[in-house]
Amino acid sequence: MAERRTVQINVRLSAAERAAWRAKAAATGLSLSDLLRRAMARTRTWTAAAADIERERSRQVARIGINLNQLARWANTHRSAARAVTVIANLVAFERSLREVARFDGEDGDAH
């Protein structure tokens, strides 16, 4: 038997926000309460320290992406050069490693 829901939370919204939330709930066939409960259940929360770490990680990944793009441009420009083959092979290996790290990080299950 499901726990009886007796507690209410009040949220201040503009009329446009309320209409948008109600439209989303109607589109999913859920009540607004059910939609909000489901949305909150999927929401990850971050401590300030974890948010700072995640921002820095995102900056580092962006920098890596920029470097990869520069290497890929060079390799495409010098396709016939023997070194280009080595660079492309290393890029592919690096991309696989980066994807593995990203997949592992996303599966840690920690609430940040």
N, C-alpha and C. Protein backbone atom coordinates (compact mmCIF):
# COMPACT_ATOMS: atom_id res chain seq x y z
N MET A 1 0.84 -1.18 0.00
CA MET A 1 0.00 0.00 0.00
C MET A 1 0.89 1.25 0.00
N ALA A 2 0.59 2.19 -0.86
CA ALA A 2 1.38 3.41 -0.97
C ALA A 2 1.17 4.29 0.24
N GLU A 3 2.23 4.99 0.58
CA GLU A 3 2.14 5.92 1.70
C GLU A 3 1.16 7.04 1.34
N ARG A 4 0.33 7.39 2.27
CA ARG A 4 -0.66 8.44 2.04
C ARG A 4 0.04 9.79 2.01
N ARG A 5 -0.28 10.57 1.02
CA ARG A 5 0.34 11.89 0.86
C ARG A 5 -0.55 12.94 1.50
N THR A 6 -0.06 13.49 2.60
CA THR A 6 -0.85 14.48 3.33
C THR A 6 -0.15 15.83 3.44
N VAL A 7 1.11 15.90 3.06
CA VAL A 7 1.89 17.14 3.20
C VAL A 7 1.82 17.91 1.89
N GLN A 8 1.63 19.22 2.01
CA GLN A 8 1.57 20.09 0.85
C GLN A 8 2.77 21.02 0.84
N ILE A 9 3.25 21.35 -0.36
CA ILE A 9 4.30 22.34 -0.54
C ILE A 9 3.74 23.43 -1.45
N ASN A 10 3.94 24.66 -1.07
CA ASN A 10 3.47 25.77 -1.88
C ASN A 10 4.65 26.38 -2.63
N VAL A 11 4.44 26.66 -3.91
CA VAL A 11 5.46 27.25 -4.76
C VAL A 11 4.85 28.47 -5.44
N ARG A 12 5.58 29.55 -5.44
CA ARG A 12 5.10 30.76 -6.13
C ARG A 12 5.54 30.72 -7.59
N LEU A 13 4.58 30.91 -8.49
CA LEU A 13 4.82 30.90 -9.93
C LEU A 13 4.12 32.07 -10.57
N SER A 14 4.55 32.42 -11.75
CA SER A 14 3.78 33.38 -12.54
C SER A 14 2.64 32.60 -13.19
N ALA A 15 1.67 33.32 -13.68
CA ALA A 15 0.55 32.65 -14.35
C ALA A 15 1.04 31.88 -15.58
N ALA A 16 2.03 32.42 -16.28
CA ALA A 16 2.57 31.75 -17.46
C ALA A 16 3.30 30.46 -17.07
N GLU A 17 4.04 30.50 -15.98
CA GLU A 17 4.73 29.29 -15.51
C GLU A 17 3.73 28.20 -15.12
N ARG A 18 2.70 28.61 -14.40
CA ARG A 18 1.68 27.64 -13.99
C ARG A 18 1.02 27.02 -15.22
N ALA A 19 0.69 27.84 -16.21
CA ALA A 19 0.06 27.33 -17.43
C ALA A 19 1.01 26.36 -18.15
N ALA A 20 2.30 26.69 -18.20
CA ALA A 20 3.27 25.82 -18.87
C ALA A 20 3.40 24.49 -18.13
N TRP A 21 3.44 24.52 -16.80
CA TRP A 21 3.54 23.29 -16.01
C TRP A 21 2.29 22.43 -16.20
N ARG A 22 1.14 23.07 -16.19
CA ARG A 22 -0.11 22.32 -16.38
C ARG A 22 -0.16 21.70 -17.77
N ALA A 23 0.31 22.43 -18.77
CA ALA A 23 0.32 21.91 -20.15
C ALA A 23 1.25 20.70 -20.25
N LYS A 24 2.40 20.77 -19.59
CA LYS A 24 3.33 19.63 -19.60
C LYS A 24 2.69 18.42 -18.92
N ALA A 25 2.03 18.65 -17.82
CA ALA A 25 1.38 17.55 -17.11
C ALA A 25 0.28 16.94 -17.98
N ALA A 26 -0.51 17.78 -18.61
CA ALA A 26 -1.59 17.28 -19.46
C ALA A 26 -1.03 16.49 -20.64
N ALA A 27 0.07 16.97 -21.21
CA ALA A 27 0.67 16.29 -22.36
C ALA A 27 1.18 14.89 -21.99
N THR A 28 1.59 14.72 -20.73
CA THR A 28 2.09 13.41 -20.30
C THR A 28 0.99 12.52 -19.74
N GLY A 29 -0.20 13.10 -19.54
CA GLY A 29 -1.30 12.32 -18.96
C GLY A 29 -1.17 12.16 -17.46
N LEU A 30 -0.34 12.99 -16.83
CA LEU A 30 -0.15 12.92 -15.38
C LEU A 30 -0.77 14.13 -14.72
N SER A 31 -1.04 13.99 -13.43
CA SER A 31 -1.44 15.17 -12.68
C SER A 31 -0.20 16.03 -12.50
N LEU A 32 -0.40 17.30 -12.22
CA LEU A 32 0.74 18.18 -11.98
C LEU A 32 1.57 17.66 -10.81
N SER A 33 0.92 17.18 -9.76
CA SER A 33 1.65 16.64 -8.60
C SER A 33 2.51 15.44 -9.00
N ASP A 34 1.94 14.53 -9.79
CA ASP A 34 2.71 13.35 -10.22
C ASP A 34 3.89 13.76 -11.09
N LEU A 35 3.67 14.69 -11.99
CA LEU A 35 4.75 15.15 -12.86
C LEU A 35 5.88 15.76 -12.03
N LEU A 36 5.53 16.60 -11.07
CA LEU A 36 6.55 17.24 -10.24
C LEU A 36 7.28 16.23 -9.37
N ARG A 37 6.57 15.26 -8.81
CA ARG A 37 7.23 14.22 -8.01
C ARG A 37 8.23 13.45 -8.86
N ARG A 38 7.82 13.09 -10.08
CA ARG A 38 8.73 12.34 -10.96
C ARG A 38 9.94 13.19 -11.35
N ALA A 39 9.69 14.44 -11.65
CA ALA A 39 10.81 15.32 -12.03
C ALA A 39 11.80 15.47 -10.87
N MET A 40 11.30 15.66 -9.68
CA MET A 40 12.19 15.81 -8.52
C MET A 40 12.93 14.52 -8.21
N ALA A 41 12.31 13.38 -8.46
CA ALA A 41 12.98 12.10 -8.21
C ALA A 41 14.17 11.90 -9.15
N ARG A 42 14.12 12.50 -10.34
CA ARG A 42 15.21 12.37 -11.31
C ARG A 42 16.27 13.45 -11.16
N THR A 43 16.01 14.45 -10.35
CA THR A 43 16.91 15.59 -10.25
C THR A 43 18.09 15.27 -9.35
N ARG A 44 19.31 15.53 -9.88
CA ARG A 44 20.52 15.38 -9.07
C ARG A 44 20.79 16.71 -8.38
N THR A 45 21.16 16.63 -7.14
CA THR A 45 21.53 17.84 -6.42
C THR A 45 23.03 17.88 -6.24
N TRP A 46 23.58 19.04 -6.13
CA TRP A 46 25.03 19.23 -6.04
C TRP A 46 25.35 20.07 -4.82
N THR A 47 26.37 19.65 -4.09
CA THR A 47 26.90 20.52 -3.06
C THR A 47 27.70 21.59 -3.78
N ALA A 48 27.99 22.69 -3.10
CA ALA A 48 28.76 23.76 -3.73
C ALA A 48 30.13 23.24 -4.17
N ALA A 49 30.78 22.45 -3.32
CA ALA A 49 32.10 21.92 -3.65
C ALA A 49 32.03 21.00 -4.86
N ALA A 50 31.02 20.12 -4.91
CA ALA A 50 30.87 19.21 -6.05
C ALA A 50 30.57 19.98 -7.33
N ALA A 51 29.80 21.04 -7.23
CA ALA A 51 29.50 21.86 -8.41
C ALA A 51 30.77 22.51 -8.94
N ASP A 52 31.62 22.99 -8.05
CA ASP A 52 32.90 23.58 -8.47
C ASP A 52 33.77 22.55 -9.17
N ILE A 53 33.82 21.35 -8.62
CA ILE A 53 34.61 20.27 -9.23
C ILE A 53 34.05 19.94 -10.60
N GLU A 54 32.74 19.85 -10.72
CA GLU A 54 32.12 19.52 -12.01
C GLU A 54 32.36 20.62 -13.04
N ARG A 55 32.31 21.88 -12.62
CA ARG A 55 32.60 22.98 -13.55
C ARG A 55 34.04 22.88 -14.05
N GLU A 56 34.97 22.60 -13.15
CA GLU A 56 36.37 22.47 -13.55
C GLU A 56 36.56 21.27 -14.47
N ARG A 57 35.90 20.17 -14.17
CA ARG A 57 35.98 18.99 -15.03
C ARG A 57 35.45 19.32 -16.42
N SER A 58 34.36 20.05 -16.49
CA SER A 58 33.79 20.43 -17.79
C SER A 58 34.76 21.32 -18.56
N ARG A 59 35.42 22.25 -17.87
CA ARG A 59 36.42 23.11 -18.53
C ARG A 59 37.56 22.27 -19.08
N GLN A 60 38.02 21.30 -18.29
CA GLN A 60 39.13 20.45 -18.73
C GLN A 60 38.73 19.62 -19.96
N VAL A 61 37.53 19.06 -19.93
CA VAL A 61 37.06 18.27 -21.07
C VAL A 61 36.93 19.16 -22.30
N ALA A 62 36.46 20.39 -22.13
CA ALA A 62 36.36 21.32 -23.26
C ALA A 62 37.74 21.61 -23.84
N ARG A 63 38.72 21.80 -22.98
CA ARG A 63 40.10 22.04 -23.46
C ARG A 63 40.62 20.83 -24.23
N ILE A 64 40.34 19.65 -23.71
CA ILE A 64 40.75 18.42 -24.41
C ILE A 64 40.09 18.36 -25.78
N GLY A 65 38.81 18.70 -25.83
CA GLY A 65 38.09 18.71 -27.10
C GLY A 65 38.70 19.67 -28.10
N ILE A 66 39.10 20.83 -27.64
CA ILE A 66 39.75 21.82 -28.53
C ILE A 66 41.05 21.24 -29.08
N ASN A 67 41.85 20.63 -28.21
CA ASN A 67 43.11 20.03 -28.66
C ASN A 67 42.86 18.89 -29.65
N LEU A 68 41.85 18.07 -29.37
CA LEU A 68 41.52 16.99 -30.29
C LEU A 68 41.11 17.53 -31.66
N ASN A 69 40.34 18.59 -31.67
CA ASN A 69 39.92 19.18 -32.95
C ASN A 69 41.13 19.71 -33.72
N GLN A 70 42.07 20.33 -33.02
CA GLN A 70 43.27 20.82 -33.69
C GLN A 70 44.08 19.67 -34.28
N LEU A 71 44.21 18.58 -33.52
CA LEU A 71 44.93 17.41 -34.03
C LEU A 71 44.20 16.78 -35.22
N ALA A 72 42.89 16.69 -35.12
CA ALA A 72 42.12 16.11 -36.22
C ALA A 72 42.25 16.96 -37.48
N ARG A 73 42.22 18.29 -37.33
CA ARG A 73 42.40 19.17 -38.49
C ARG A 73 43.77 18.95 -39.13
N TRP A 74 44.79 18.85 -38.27
CA TRP A 74 46.15 18.62 -38.78
C TRP A 74 46.20 17.29 -39.53
N ALA A 75 45.63 16.24 -38.92
CA ALA A 75 45.67 14.92 -39.55
C ALA A 75 44.92 14.92 -40.88
N ASN A 76 43.80 15.63 -40.95
CA ASN A 76 43.04 15.69 -42.20
C ASN A 76 43.79 16.48 -43.27
N THR A 77 44.54 17.48 -42.85
CA THR A 77 45.32 18.29 -43.79
C THR A 77 46.50 17.49 -44.34
N HIS A 78 47.07 16.64 -43.52
CA HIS A 78 48.27 15.88 -43.90
C HIS A 78 47.96 14.38 -43.99
N ARG A 79 46.88 14.05 -44.66
CA ARG A 79 46.43 12.66 -44.75
C ARG A 79 47.49 11.71 -45.30
N SER A 80 48.27 12.17 -46.24
CA SER A 80 49.22 11.27 -46.89
C SER A 80 50.49 11.08 -46.06
N ALA A 81 50.72 11.91 -45.10
CA ALA A 81 51.93 11.79 -44.29
C ALA A 81 51.83 10.58 -43.38
N ALA A 82 52.92 9.87 -43.21
CA ALA A 82 52.93 8.68 -42.36
C ALA A 82 52.61 9.03 -40.92
N ARG A 83 53.03 10.20 -40.48
CA ARG A 83 52.75 10.60 -39.10
C ARG A 83 51.26 10.82 -38.88
N ALA A 84 50.54 11.20 -39.92
CA ALA A 84 49.10 11.42 -39.78
C ALA A 84 48.40 10.14 -39.38
N VAL A 85 48.85 9.01 -39.91
CA VAL A 85 48.24 7.72 -39.56
C VAL A 85 48.44 7.47 -38.07
N THR A 86 49.62 7.74 -37.58
CA THR A 86 49.90 7.55 -36.15
C THR A 86 49.04 8.49 -35.31
N VAL A 87 48.92 9.74 -35.73
CA VAL A 87 48.11 10.71 -34.99
C VAL A 87 46.66 10.25 -34.96
N ILE A 88 46.14 9.81 -36.09
CA ILE A 88 44.75 9.38 -36.15
C ILE A 88 44.54 8.16 -35.24
N ALA A 89 45.46 7.22 -35.26
CA ALA A 89 45.35 6.05 -34.39
C ALA A 89 45.35 6.46 -32.93
N ASN A 90 46.20 7.41 -32.58
CA ASN A 90 46.24 7.90 -31.20
C ASN A 90 44.97 8.66 -30.83
N LEU A 91 44.45 9.41 -31.78
CA LEU A 91 43.19 10.12 -31.53
C LEU A 91 42.06 9.14 -31.25
N VAL A 92 41.99 8.09 -32.02
CA VAL A 92 40.94 7.09 -31.82
C VAL A 92 41.09 6.44 -30.45
N ALA A 93 42.32 6.07 -30.09
CA ALA A 93 42.56 5.46 -28.78
C ALA A 93 42.22 6.43 -27.66
N PHE A 94 42.59 7.69 -27.84
CA PHE A 94 42.30 8.69 -26.82
C PHE A 94 40.80 8.90 -26.68
N GLU A 95 40.11 8.95 -27.81
CA GLU A 95 38.66 9.13 -27.77
C GLU A 95 38.00 7.97 -27.02
N ARG A 96 38.45 6.75 -27.28
CA ARG A 96 37.89 5.60 -26.56
C ARG A 96 38.12 5.73 -25.07
N SER A 97 39.32 6.14 -24.70
CA SER A 97 39.64 6.29 -23.28
C SER A 97 38.78 7.37 -22.64
N LEU A 98 38.62 8.48 -23.33
CA LEU A 98 37.82 9.58 -22.81
C LEU A 98 36.37 9.16 -22.65
N ARG A 99 35.84 8.42 -23.62
CA ARG A 99 34.47 7.93 -23.51
C ARG A 99 34.32 6.98 -22.32
N GLU A 100 35.33 6.15 -22.12
CA GLU A 100 35.30 5.21 -20.99
C GLU A 100 35.30 5.97 -19.67
N VAL A 101 36.12 7.00 -19.56
CA VAL A 101 36.16 7.81 -18.34
C VAL A 101 34.83 8.50 -18.13
N ALA A 102 34.27 9.05 -19.18
CA ALA A 102 32.97 9.74 -19.06
C ALA A 102 31.88 8.77 -18.67
N ARG A 103 31.89 7.56 -19.24
CA ARG A 103 30.88 6.56 -18.91
C ARG A 103 31.04 6.12 -17.46
N PHE A 104 32.27 5.87 -17.04
CA PHE A 104 32.52 5.45 -15.66
C PHE A 104 32.10 6.53 -14.68
N ASP A 105 32.42 7.78 -14.97
CA ASP A 105 32.08 8.88 -14.08
C ASP A 105 30.58 9.04 -13.96
N GLY A 106 29.86 8.84 -15.05
CA GLY A 106 28.42 9.00 -15.02
C GLY A 106 27.70 7.88 -14.30
N GLU A 107 28.39 6.75 -14.06
CA GLU A 107 27.75 5.59 -13.44
C GLU A 107 28.11 5.45 -11.98
N ASP A 108 28.75 6.45 -11.40
CA ASP A 108 29.20 6.28 -10.01
C ASP A 108 28.07 6.30 -9.03
N GLY A 109 26.91 6.85 -9.41
CA GLY A 109 25.73 6.80 -8.56
C GLY A 109 25.78 7.77 -7.38
N ASP A 110 26.86 8.52 -7.24
CA ASP A 110 26.93 9.47 -6.13
C ASP A 110 26.02 10.65 -6.39
N ALA A 111 25.37 11.13 -5.37
CA ALA A 111 24.62 12.38 -5.47
C ALA A 111 25.61 13.49 -5.17
N HIS A 112 25.79 14.38 -6.10
CA HIS A 112 26.79 15.44 -5.94
C HIS A 112 26.18 16.67 -5.36
